[in-house]
PDB file of N, CA and C in Angstrom:
ATOM      1  N   MET A   1      -2.974  17.132   6.922  1.00  0.00           N
ATOM      2  CA  MET A   1      -1.700  16.963   7.716  1.00  0.00           C
ATOM      3  C   MET A   1      -0.664  17.363   6.792  1.00  0.00           C
ATOM      4  N   SER A   2       0.269  18.140   7.362  1.00  0.00           N
ATOM      5  CA  SER A   2       1.403  18.611   6.642  1.00  0.00           C
ATOM      6  C   SER A   2       2.548  17.619   6.508  1.00  0.00           C
ATOM      7  N   LYS A   3       3.285  17.695   5.522  1.00  0.00           N
ATOM      8  CA  LYS A   3       4.378  16.698   5.229  1.00  0.00           C
ATOM      9  C   LYS A   3       5.540  17.061   6.073  1.00  0.00           C
ATOM     10  N   THR A   4       6.004  16.140   6.749  1.00  0.00           N
ATOM     11  CA  THR A   4       7.237  16.463   7.616  1.00  0.00           C
ATOM     12  C   THR A   4       8.412  16.708   6.804  1.00  0.00           C
ATOM     13  N   PRO A   5       9.404  17.557   7.084  1.00  0.00           N
ATOM     14  CA  PRO A   5      10.482  17.855   6.274  1.00  0.00           C
ATOM     15  C   PRO A   5      11.470  16.567   6.212  1.00  0.00           C
ATOM     16  N   LYS A   6      11.256  15.588   7.016  1.00  0.00           N
ATOM     17  CA  LYS A   6      12.189  14.399   6.973  1.00  0.00           C
ATOM     18  C   LYS A   6      11.595  13.431   5.973  1.00  0.00           C
ATOM     19  N   ALA A   7      10.324  13.553   5.573  1.00  0.00           N
ATOM     20  CA  ALA A   7       9.712  12.572   4.727  1.00  0.00           C
ATOM     21  C   ALA A   7      10.460  12.675   3.314  1.00  0.00           C
ATOM     22  N   LYS A   8      10.662  11.507   2.780  1.00  0.00           N
ATOM     23  CA  LYS A   8      11.363  11.480   1.473  1.00  0.00           C
ATOM     24  C   LYS A   8      10.414  10.931   0.440  1.00  0.00           C
ATOM     25  N   PRO A   9       9.923  11.665  -0.526  1.00  0.00           N
ATOM     26  CA  PRO A   9       8.974  11.093  -1.477  1.00  0.00           C
ATOM     27  C   PRO A   9       9.792  10.385  -2.599  1.00  0.00           C
ATOM     28  N   HIS A  10       9.203   9.345  -3.120  1.00  0.00           N
ATOM     29  CA  HIS A  10       9.764   8.570  -4.142  1.00  0.00           C
ATOM     30  C   HIS A  10       8.723   8.362  -5.265  1.00  0.00           C
ATOM     31  N   ALA A  11       9.089   7.904  -6.424  1.00  0.00           N
ATOM     32  CA  ALA A  11       8.087   7.797  -7.512  1.00  0.00           C
ATOM     33  C   ALA A  11       7.623   9.223  -7.792  1.00  0.00           C
ATOM     34  N   ARG A  12       6.308   9.258  -8.333  1.00  0.00           N
ATOM     35  CA  ARG A  12       5.760  10.586  -8.839  1.00  0.00           C
ATOM     36  C   ARG A  12       4.615  10.978  -7.958  1.00  0.00           C
ATOM     37  N   LYS A  13       4.436  12.254  -7.790  1.00  0.00           N
ATOM     38  CA  LYS A  13       3.127  12.668  -7.141  1.00  0.00           C
ATOM     39  C   LYS A  13       1.997  12.249  -8.106  1.00  0.00           C
ATOM     40  N   GLY A  14       0.819  11.849  -7.578  1.00  0.00           N
ATOM     41  CA  GLY A  14      -0.116  11.247  -8.422  1.00  0.00           C
ATOM     42  C   GLY A  14      -1.483  12.088  -8.565  1.00  0.00           C
ATOM     43  N   LYS A  15      -2.222  11.320  -9.296  1.00  0.00           N
ATOM     44  CA  LYS A  15      -3.566  11.718  -9.636  1.00  0.00           C
ATOM     45  C   LYS A  15      -4.514  10.917  -8.567  1.00  0.00           C
ATOM     46  N   PRO A  16      -5.814  11.390  -8.495  1.00  0.00           N
ATOM     47  CA  PRO A  16      -6.754  10.571  -7.674  1.00  0.00           C
ATOM     48  C   PRO A  16      -6.665   9.058  -8.210  1.00  0.00           C
ATOM     49  N   GLY A  17      -6.658   8.252  -7.080  1.00  0.00           N
ATOM     50  CA  GLY A  17      -6.613   6.816  -7.358  1.00  0.00           C
ATOM     51  C   GLY A  17      -5.176   6.373  -7.211  1.00  0.00           C
ATOM     52  N   ASP A  18      -4.152   7.063  -7.164  1.00  0.00           N
ATOM     53  CA  ASP A  18      -2.772   6.757  -7.017  1.00  0.00           C
ATOM     54  C   ASP A  18      -2.636   6.426  -5.567  1.00  0.00           C
ATOM     55  N   TYR A  19      -1.575   5.736  -5.318  1.00  0.00           N
ATOM     56  CA  TYR A  19      -1.335   5.279  -3.891  1.00  0.00           C
ATOM     57  C   TYR A  19      -0.262   6.227  -3.182  1.00  0.00           C
ATOM     58  N   LEU A  20      -0.627   6.645  -2.060  1.00  0.00           N
ATOM     59  CA  LEU A  20       0.241   7.376  -1.085  1.00  0.00           C
ATOM     60  C   LEU A  20       0.544   6.621   0.009  1.00  0.00           C
ATOM     61  N   LEU A  21       1.766   6.139   0.106  1.00  0.00           N
ATOM     62  CA  LEU A  21       2.367   5.152   1.107  1.00  0.00           C
ATOM     63  C   LEU A  21       3.304   5.929   2.051  1.00  0.00           C
ATOM     64  N   ARG A  22       3.108   5.791   3.408  1.00  0.00           N
ATOM     65  CA  ARG A  22       3.995   6.469   4.316  1.00  0.00           C
ATOM     66  C   ARG A  22       4.681   5.303   5.128  1.00  0.00           C
ATOM     67  N   LEU A  23       6.001   5.123   4.986  1.00  0.00           N
ATOM     68  CA  LEU A  23       6.622   4.110   5.817  1.00  0.00           C
ATOM     69  C   LEU A  23       7.506   4.700   6.914  1.00  0.00           C
ATOM     70  N   PHE A  24       7.087   4.257   8.182  1.00  0.00           N
ATOM     71  CA  PHE A  24       7.799   4.674   9.345  1.00  0.00           C
ATOM     72  C   PHE A  24       8.914   3.693   9.515  1.00  0.00           C
ATOM     73  N   ILE A  25      10.135   4.140   9.624  1.00  0.00           N
ATOM     74  CA  ILE A  25      11.289   3.318   9.948  1.00  0.00           C
ATOM     75  C   ILE A  25      12.050   3.865  11.266  1.00  0.00           C
ATOM     76  N   ALA A  26      12.929   3.135  11.712  1.00  0.00           N
ATOM     77  CA  ALA A  26      13.839   3.493  12.850  1.00  0.00           C
ATOM     78  C   ALA A  26      15.300   3.305  12.456  1.00  0.00           C
ATOM     79  N   GLY A  27      15.734   4.456  11.971  1.00  0.00           N
ATOM     80  CA  GLY A  27      17.232   4.571  11.566  1.00  0.00           C
ATOM     81  C   GLY A  27      17.556   3.496  10.469  1.00  0.00           C
ATOM     82  N   ASN A  28      18.702   2.990  10.590  1.00  0.00           N
ATOM     83  CA  ASN A  28      19.105   2.016   9.726  1.00  0.00           C
ATOM     84  C   ASN A  28      19.074   0.532  10.065  1.00  0.00           C
ATOM     85  N   GLY A  29      18.102   0.224  11.102  1.00  0.00           N
ATOM     86  CA  GLY A  29      17.841  -1.090  11.506  1.00  0.00           C
ATOM     87  C   GLY A  29      17.496  -2.019  10.392  1.00  0.00           C
ATOM     88  N   GLN A  30      17.936  -3.250  10.656  1.00  0.00           N
ATOM     89  CA  GLN A  30      17.778  -4.248   9.657  1.00  0.00           C
ATOM     90  C   GLN A  30      16.266  -4.438   9.190  1.00  0.00           C
ATOM     91  N   ASN A  31      15.295  -4.592  10.143  1.00  0.00           N
ATOM     92  CA  ASN A  31      13.969  -4.612   9.702  1.00  0.00           C
ATOM     93  C   ASN A  31      13.483  -3.443   8.943  1.00  0.00           C
ATOM     94  N   SER A  32      13.873  -2.261   9.336  1.00  0.00           N
ATOM     95  CA  SER A  32      13.457  -1.060   8.661  1.00  0.00           C
ATOM     96  C   SER A  32      13.960  -1.030   7.206  1.00  0.00           C
ATOM     97  N   GLN A  33      15.224  -1.284   6.948  1.00  0.00           N
ATOM     98  CA  GLN A  33      15.860  -1.344   5.664  1.00  0.00           C
ATOM     99  C   GLN A  33      15.176  -2.502   4.725  1.00  0.00           C
ATOM    100  N   LYS A  34      14.847  -3.629   5.471  1.00  0.00           N
ATOM    101  CA  LYS A  34      14.175  -4.662   4.680  1.00  0.00           C
ATOM    102  C   LYS A  34      12.710  -4.249   4.286  1.00  0.00           C
ATOM    103  N   ALA A  35      12.052  -3.612   5.129  1.00  0.00           N
ATOM    104  CA  ALA A  35      10.676  -3.055   4.834  1.00  0.00           C
ATOM    105  C   ALA A  35      10.683  -2.088   3.725  1.00  0.00           C
ATOM    106  N   LEU A  36      11.646  -1.188   3.613  1.00  0.00           N
ATOM    107  CA  LEU A  36      11.734  -0.209   2.628  1.00  0.00           C
ATOM    108  C   LEU A  36      12.111  -0.930   1.263  1.00  0.00           C
ATOM    109  N   ALA A  37      13.058  -1.901   1.397  1.00  0.00           N
ATOM    110  CA  ALA A  37      13.337  -2.761   0.174  1.00  0.00           C
ATOM    111  C   ALA A  37      12.206  -3.455  -0.383  1.00  0.00           C
ATOM    112  N   ASN A  38      11.466  -4.070   0.435  1.00  0.00           N
ATOM    113  CA  ASN A  38      10.226  -4.916   0.189  1.00  0.00           C
ATOM    114  C   ASN A  38       9.222  -3.971  -0.487  1.00  0.00           C
ATOM    115  N   LEU A  39       9.063  -2.830   0.130  1.00  0.00           N
ATOM    116  CA  LEU A  39       7.926  -1.951  -0.316  1.00  0.00           C
ATOM    117  C   LEU A  39       8.269  -1.354  -1.772  1.00  0.00           C
ATOM    118  N   ARG A  40       9.512  -0.983  -1.871  1.00  0.00           N
ATOM    119  CA  ARG A  40       9.933  -0.485  -3.226  1.00  0.00           C
ATOM    120  C   ARG A  40       9.740  -1.563  -4.260  1.00  0.00           C
ATOM    121  N   GLY A  41      10.244  -2.720  -3.987  1.00  0.00           N
ATOM    122  CA  GLY A  41      10.059  -3.802  -4.955  1.00  0.00           C
ATOM    123  C   GLY A  41       8.541  -4.143  -5.305  1.00  0.00           C
ATOM    124  N   LEU A  42       7.726  -4.237  -4.239  1.00  0.00           N
ATOM    125  CA  LEU A  42       6.345  -4.468  -4.496  1.00  0.00           C
ATOM    126  C   LEU A  42       5.598  -3.374  -5.343  1.00  0.00           C
ATOM    127  N   CYS A  43       5.977  -2.004  -4.938  1.00  0.00           N
ATOM    128  CA  CYS A  43       5.437  -0.975  -5.762  1.00  0.00           C
ATOM    129  C   CYS A  43       5.929  -1.038  -7.269  1.00  0.00           C
ATOM    130  N   GLN A  44       7.164  -1.173  -7.458  1.00  0.00           N
ATOM    131  CA  GLN A  44       7.676  -1.278  -8.804  1.00  0.00           C
ATOM    132  C   GLN A  44       7.031  -2.479  -9.601  1.00  0.00           C
ATOM    133  N   GLU A  45       6.732  -3.546  -8.899  1.00  0.00           N
ATOM    134  CA  GLU A  45       6.301  -4.638  -9.711  1.00  0.00           C
ATOM    135  C   GLU A  45       4.663  -4.513  -9.926  1.00  0.00           C
ATOM    136  N   HIS A  46       3.946  -3.919  -9.000  1.00  0.00           N
ATOM    137  CA  HIS A  46       2.546  -4.040  -8.985  1.00  0.00           C
ATOM    138  C   HIS A  46       1.833  -2.558  -9.189  1.00  0.00           C
ATOM    139  N   LEU A  47       2.561  -1.523  -8.735  1.00  0.00           N
ATOM    140  CA  LEU A  47       1.952  -0.283  -8.900  1.00  0.00           C
ATOM    141  C   LEU A  47       2.625   0.827  -9.765  1.00  0.00           C
ATOM    142  N   GLU A  48       3.452   0.330 -10.673  1.00  0.00           N
ATOM    143  CA  GLU A  48       4.380   1.123 -11.478  1.00  0.00           C
ATOM    144  C   GLU A  48       3.698   2.391 -11.904  1.00  0.00           C
ATOM    145  N   GLY A  49       4.292   3.469 -11.690  1.00  0.00           N
ATOM    146  CA  GLY A  49       3.721   4.782 -12.092  1.00  0.00           C
ATOM    147  C   GLY A  49       2.592   5.336 -11.291  1.00  0.00           C
ATOM    148  N   ARG A  50       2.103   4.627 -10.185  1.00  0.00           N
ATOM    149  CA  ARG A  50       0.946   5.018  -9.596  1.00  0.00           C
ATOM    150  C   ARG A  50       1.098   5.002  -7.991  1.00  0.00           C
ATOM    151  N   TYR A  51       2.208   5.356  -7.695  1.00  0.00           N
ATOM    152  CA  TYR A  51       2.495   5.516  -6.068  1.00  0.00           C
ATOM    153  C   TYR A  51       3.491   6.520  -5.749  1.00  0.00           C
ATOM    154  N   THR A  52       3.442   6.936  -4.501  1.00  0.00           N
ATOM    155  CA  THR A  52       4.380   7.801  -3.907  1.00  0.00           C
ATOM    156  C   THR A  52       4.682   7.079  -2.516  1.00  0.00           C
ATOM    157  N   ILE A  53       5.941   7.060  -2.314  1.00  0.00           N
ATOM    158  CA  ILE A  53       6.298   6.529  -0.995  1.00  0.00           C
ATOM    159  C   ILE A  53       7.059   7.599  -0.132  1.00  0.00           C
ATOM    160  N   GLU A  54       6.608   7.898   1.065  1.00  0.00           N
ATOM    161  CA  GLU A  54       7.134   8.829   1.947  1.00  0.00           C
ATOM    162  C   GLU A  54       7.851   7.966   3.003  1.00  0.00           C
ATOM    163  N   THR A  55       9.126   8.185   3.350  1.00  0.00           N
ATOM    164  CA  THR A  55       9.671   7.511   4.515  1.00  0.00           C
ATOM    165  C   THR A  55       9.940   8.546   5.521  1.00  0.00           C
ATOM    166  N   VAL A  56       9.639   8.063   6.817  1.00  0.00           N
ATOM    167  CA  VAL A  56       9.767   8.838   7.974  1.00  0.00           C
ATOM    168  C   VAL A  56      10.654   8.084   9.015  1.00  0.00           C
ATOM    169  N   ASP A  57      11.715   8.628   9.315  1.00  0.00           N
ATOM    170  CA  ASP A  57      12.631   8.014  10.284  1.00  0.00           C
ATOM    171  C   ASP A  57      12.177   8.529  11.671  1.00  0.00           C
ATOM    172  N   VAL A  58      11.730   7.740  12.503  1.00  0.00           N
ATOM    173  CA  VAL A  58      11.317   8.178  13.876  1.00  0.00           C
ATOM    174  C   VAL A  58      12.382   8.591  14.732  1.00  0.00           C
ATOM    175  N   VAL A  59      13.638   8.126  14.494  1.00  0.00           N
ATOM    176  CA  VAL A  59      14.688   8.544  15.185  1.00  0.00           C
ATOM    177  C   VAL A  59      14.916  10.099  14.926  1.00  0.00           C
ATOM    178  N   GLU A  60      14.755  10.522  13.782  1.00  0.00           N
ATOM    179  CA  GLU A  60      14.908  11.991  13.356  1.00  0.00           C
ATOM    180  C   GLU A  60      13.671  12.733  13.603  1.00  0.00           C
ATOM    181  N   ASP A  61      12.564  12.180  13.487  1.00  0.00           N
ATOM    182  CA  ASP A  61      11.219  12.896  13.500  1.00  0.00           C
ATOM    183  C   ASP A  61      10.139  12.054  14.354  1.00  0.00           C
ATOM    184  N   PHE A  62      10.345  11.930  15.654  1.00  0.00           N
ATOM    185  CA  PHE A  62       9.457  11.195  16.523  1.00  0.00           C
ATOM    186  C   PHE A  62       8.030  11.860  16.547  1.00  0.00           C
ATOM    187  N   GLN A  63       7.989  13.135  16.309  1.00  0.00           N
ATOM    188  CA  GLN A  63       6.694  13.846  16.334  1.00  0.00           C
ATOM    189  C   GLN A  63       5.782  13.351  15.186  1.00  0.00           C
ATOM    190  N   ALA A  64       6.393  12.956  14.009  1.00  0.00           N
ATOM    191  CA  ALA A  64       5.538  12.444  12.901  1.00  0.00           C
ATOM    192  C   ALA A  64       4.910  11.172  13.337  1.00  0.00           C
ATOM    193  N   ALA A  65       5.739  10.262  14.096  1.00  0.00           N
ATOM    194  CA  ALA A  65       5.113   9.036  14.559  1.00  0.00           C
ATOM    195  C   ALA A  65       3.966   9.246  15.579  1.00  0.00           C
ATOM    196  N   VAL A  66       4.128  10.250  16.389  1.00  0.00           N
ATOM    197  CA  VAL A  66       3.078  10.620  17.319  1.00  0.00           C
ATOM    198  C   VAL A  66       1.911  11.100  16.592  1.00  0.00           C
ATOM    199  N   ARG A  67       1.969  12.018  15.595  1.00  0.00           N
ATOM    200  CA  ARG A  67       0.880  12.506  14.859  1.00  0.00           C
ATOM    201  C   ARG A  67       0.135  11.426  14.248  1.00  0.00           C
ATOM    202  N   ASP A  68       0.681  10.416  13.721  1.00  0.00           N
ATOM    203  CA  ASP A  68       0.105   9.244  12.946  1.00  0.00           C
ATOM    204  C   ASP A  68      -0.182   7.901  13.939  1.00  0.00           C
ATOM    205  N   ASN A  69       0.072   8.256  15.275  1.00  0.00           N
ATOM    206  CA  ASN A  69      -0.214   7.077  16.184  1.00  0.00           C
ATOM    207  C   ASN A  69       0.525   5.889  15.918  1.00  0.00           C
ATOM    208  N   ILE A  70       1.793   6.050  15.519  1.00  0.00           N
ATOM    209  CA  ILE A  70       2.667   4.785  15.309  1.00  0.00           C
ATOM    210  C   ILE A  70       3.511   4.522  16.564  1.00  0.00           C
ATOM    211  N   LEU A  71       3.317   3.388  17.073  1.00  0.00           N
ATOM    212  CA  LEU A  71       4.122   3.040  18.272  1.00  0.00           C
ATOM    213  C   LEU A  71       5.121   1.905  17.903  1.00  0.00           C
ATOM    214  N   VAL A  72       5.090   1.259  16.768  1.00  0.00           N
ATOM    215  CA  VAL A  72       6.001   0.127  16.355  1.00  0.00           C
ATOM    216  C   VAL A  72       6.482   0.514  14.998  1.00  0.00           C
ATOM    217  N   THR A  73       7.842   0.158  14.678  1.00  0.00           N
ATOM    218  CA  THR A  73       8.441   0.240  13.354  1.00  0.00           C
ATOM    219  C   THR A  73       9.034  -1.125  12.982  1.00  0.00           C
ATOM    220  N   PRO A  74       8.993  -1.416  11.717  1.00  0.00           N
ATOM    221  CA  PRO A  74       8.565  -0.585  10.748  1.00  0.00           C
ATOM    222  C   PRO A  74       6.980  -0.561  10.569  1.00  0.00           C
ATOM    223  N   ALA A  75       6.395   0.449  10.053  1.00  0.00           N
ATOM    224  CA  ALA A  75       4.979   0.462   9.919  1.00  0.00           C
ATOM    225  C   ALA A  75       4.624   1.195   8.775  1.00  0.00           C
ATOM    226  N   LEU A  76       3.781   0.632   7.874  1.00  0.00           N
ATOM    227  CA  LEU A  76       3.360   1.282   6.629  1.00  0.00           C
ATOM    228  C   LEU A  76       1.971   1.653   6.757  1.00  0.00           C
ATOM    229  N   ILE A  77       1.751   3.018   6.389  1.00  0.00           N
ATOM    230  CA  ILE A  77       0.297   3.565   6.371  1.00  0.00           C
ATOM    231  C   ILE A  77      -0.012   3.777   4.883  1.00  0.00           C
ATOM    232  N   LEU A  78      -1.174   3.202   4.525  1.00  0.00           N
ATOM    233  CA  LEU A  78      -1.924   3.549   3.288  1.00  0.00           C
ATOM    234  C   LEU A  78      -2.680   4.841   3.438  1.00  0.00           C
ATOM    235  N   VAL A  79      -2.056   6.034   2.981  1.00  0.00           N
ATOM    236  CA  VAL A  79      -2.661   7.179   3.237  1.00  0.00           C
ATOM    237  C   VAL A  79      -3.825   7.467   2.131  1.00  0.00           C
ATOM    238  N   ALA A  80      -3.602   7.100   0.890  1.00  0.00           N
ATOM    239  CA  ALA A  80      -4.599   7.148  -0.090  1.00  0.00           C
ATOM    240  C   ALA A  80      -4.345   5.959  -1.030  1.00  0.00           C
ATOM    241  N   PRO A  81      -5.395   5.473  -1.757  1.00  0.00           N
ATOM    242  CA  PRO A  81      -6.718   5.918  -1.487  1.00  0.00           C
ATOM    243  C   PRO A  81      -7.375   5.465  -0.032  1.00  0.00           C
ATOM    244  N   LEU A  82      -8.279   6.169   0.293  1.00  0.00           N
ATOM    245  CA  LEU A  82      -8.987   5.805   1.610  1.00  0.00           C
ATOM    246  C   LEU A  82      -9.793   4.557   1.541  1.00  0.00           C
ATOM    247  N   PRO A  83     -10.053   3.862   2.568  1.00  0.00           N
ATOM    248  CA  PRO A  83      -9.721   4.100   4.064  1.00  0.00           C
ATOM    249  C   PRO A  83      -8.230   3.790   4.287  1.00  0.00           C
ATOM    250  N   ARG A  84      -7.744   4.456   5.270  1.00  0.00           N
ATOM    251  CA  ARG A  84      -6.380   4.338   5.776  1.00  0.00           C
ATOM    252  C   ARG A  84      -6.139   2.988   6.399  1.00  0.00           C
ATOM    253  N   VAL A  85      -5.068   2.355   5.997  1.00  0.00           N
ATOM    254  CA  VAL A  85      -4.642   1.045   6.529  1.00  0.00           C
ATOM    255  C   VAL A  85      -3.205   1.155   7.141  1.00  0.00           C
ATOM    256  N   ILE A  86      -3.031   0.341   8.194  1.00  0.00           N
ATOM    257  CA  ILE A  86      -1.604   0.242   8.745  1.00  0.00           C
ATOM    258  C   ILE A  86      -1.138  -1.175   8.792  1.00  0.00           C
ATOM    259  N   VAL A  87       0.025  -1.373   8.144  1.00  0.00           N
ATOM    260  CA  VAL A  87       0.680  -2.718   8.056  1.00  0.00           C
ATOM    261  C   VAL A  87       1.942  -2.620   8.855  1.00  0.00           C
ATOM    262  N   LEU A  88       1.988  -3.597   9.782  1.00  0.00           N
ATOM    263  CA  LEU A  88       3.230  -3.588  10.642  1.00  0.00           C
ATOM    264  C   LEU A  88       4.171  -4.628  10.159  1.00  0.00           C
ATOM    265  N   GLY A  89       5.526  -4.501  10.403  1.00  0.00           N
ATOM    266  CA  GLY A  89       6.471  -5.409  10.055  1.00  0.00           C
ATOM    267  C   GLY A  89       7.335  -5.133   8.825  1.00  0.00           C
ATOM    268  N   ASN A  90       8.169  -6.108   8.391  1.00  0.00           N
ATOM    269  CA  ASN A  90       9.106  -5.805   7.288  1.00  0.00           C
ATOM    270  C   ASN A  90       8.566  -5.961   5.933  1.00  0.00           C
ATOM    271  N   LEU A  91       7.284  -6.265   5.777  1.00  0.00           N
ATOM    272  CA  LEU A  91       6.659  -6.278   4.546  1.00  0.00           C
ATOM    273  C   LEU A  91       7.043  -7.440   3.626  1.00  0.00           C
ATOM    274  N   SER A  92       7.556  -8.504   4.316  1.00  0.00           N
ATOM    275  CA  SER A  92       8.070  -9.625   3.463  1.00  0.00           C
ATOM    276  C   SER A  92       6.850 -10.588   2.946  1.00  0.00           C
ATOM    277  N   ASP A  93       5.735 -10.539   3.559  1.00  0.00           N
ATOM    278  CA  ASP A  93       4.655 -11.426   2.952  1.00  0.00           C
ATOM    279  C   ASP A  93       3.988 -10.522   1.973  1.00  0.00           C
ATOM    280  N   GLN A  94       4.372 -10.643   0.701  1.00  0.00           N
ATOM    281  CA  GLN A  94       3.844  -9.728  -0.318  1.00  0.00           C
ATOM    282  C   GLN A  94       2.448  -9.885  -0.594  1.00  0.00           C
ATOM    283  N   GLN A  95       1.801 -11.068  -0.495  1.00  0.00           N
ATOM    284  CA  GLN A  95       0.416 -11.270  -0.705  1.00  0.00           C
ATOM    285  C   GLN A  95      -0.475 -10.606   0.274  1.00  0.00           C
ATOM    286  N   LYS A  96       0.032 -10.730   1.613  1.00  0.00           N
ATOM    287  CA  LYS A  96      -0.772  -9.911   2.678  1.00  0.00           C
ATOM    288  C   LYS A  96      -0.649  -8.503   2.531  1.00  0.00           C
ATOM    289  N   VAL A  97       0.554  -7.892   2.090  1.00  0.00           N
ATOM    290  CA  VAL A  97       0.610  -6.621   1.848  1.00  0.00           C
ATOM    291  C   VAL A  97      -0.242  -6.045   0.721  1.00  0.00           C
ATOM    292  N   LEU A  98      -0.295  -6.787  -0.362  1.00  0.00           N
ATOM    293  CA  LEU A  98      -1.193  -6.588  -1.455  1.00  0.00           C
ATOM    294  C   LEU A  98      -2.633  -6.518  -1.023  1.00  0.00           C
ATOM    295  N   LEU A  99      -2.975  -7.464  -0.405  1.00  0.00           N
ATOM    296  CA  LEU A  99      -4.366  -7.448   0.166  1.00  0.00           C
ATOM    297  C   LEU A  99      -4.730  -6.342   1.099  1.00  0.00           C
ATOM    298  N   ALA A 100      -3.760  -5.896   1.900  1.00  0.00           N
ATOM    299  CA  ALA A 100      -4.002  -4.771   2.752  1.00  0.00           C
ATOM    300  C   ALA A 100      -4.092  -3.505   2.030  1.00  0.00           C
ATOM    301  N   LEU A 101      -3.322  -3.405   1.030  1.00  0.00           N
ATOM    302  CA  LEU A 101      -3.410  -2.114   0.157  1.00  0.00           C
ATOM    303  C   LEU A 101      -4.487  -2.234  -0.903  1.00  0.00           C
ATOM    304  N   ARG A 102      -5.206  -3.267  -0.860  1.00  0.00           N
ATOM    305  CA  ARG A 102      -6.404  -3.411  -1.765  1.00  0.00           C
ATOM    306  C   ARG A 102      -6.010  -3.336  -3.220  1.00  0.00           C
ATOM    307  N   VAL A 103      -4.881  -3.880  -3.582  1.00  0.00           N
ATOM    308  CA  VAL A 103      -4.396  -4.023  -4.957  1.00  0.00           C
ATOM    309  C   VAL A 103      -5.150  -5.176  -5.640  1.00  0.00           C
ATOM    310  N   SER A 104      -5.986  -4.827  -6.532  1.00  0.00           N
ATOM    311  CA  SER A 104      -7.022  -5.928  -7.082  1.00  0.00           C
ATOM    312  C   SER A 104      -6.230  -6.715  -8.097  1.00  0.00           C
ATOM    313  N   GLU A 105      -6.908  -7.883  -8.485  1.00  0.00           N
ATOM    314  CA  GLU A 105      -6.179  -8.753  -9.329  1.00  0.00           C
ATOM    315  C   GLU A 105      -5.965  -8.121 -10.728  1.00  0.00           C
ATOM    316  N   GLY A 106      -6.860  -7.211 -11.079  1.00  0.00           N
ATOM    317  CA  GLY A 106      -6.643  -6.536 -12.305  1.00  0.00           C
ATOM    318  C   GLY A 106      -5.378  -5.647 -12.364  1.00  0.00           C
ATOM    319  N   ASP A 107      -4.969  -5.229 -11.169  1.00  0.00           N
ATOM    320  CA  ASP A 107      -3.656  -4.402 -11.039  1.00  0.00           C
ATOM    321  C   ASP A 107      -2.407  -5.258 -11.144  1.00  0.00           C
ATOM    322  N   LEU A 108      -2.565  -6.531 -10.742  1.00  0.00           N
ATOM    323  CA  LEU A 108      -1.376  -7.397 -10.729  1.00  0.00           C
ATOM    324  C   LEU A 108      -0.782  -7.813 -12.076  1.00  0.00           C
TER     325      LEU A 108
END
């Protein structure tokens, strides 16, 4: 899949085993901004130096949401490592998000 021009990478491009996270948001909505802040905080705390966040604003790039079968925002896709996982909502339940991302106790 090609990267959409609206996607905004954060952190560093990684090595195998690094996390590639794609967050779909809808403009500057409260839940979208909260999801982005929660994801950034979680990554800085638990995945420091091992992640890339791509944000896709479906208001600006609806086709990206269609390509990834996203019907609801905010939605987080764990693109890598496989298998792919989708987490819906503002990501405020950090423990559930960590479990979905398969971040092991050794990583915490």
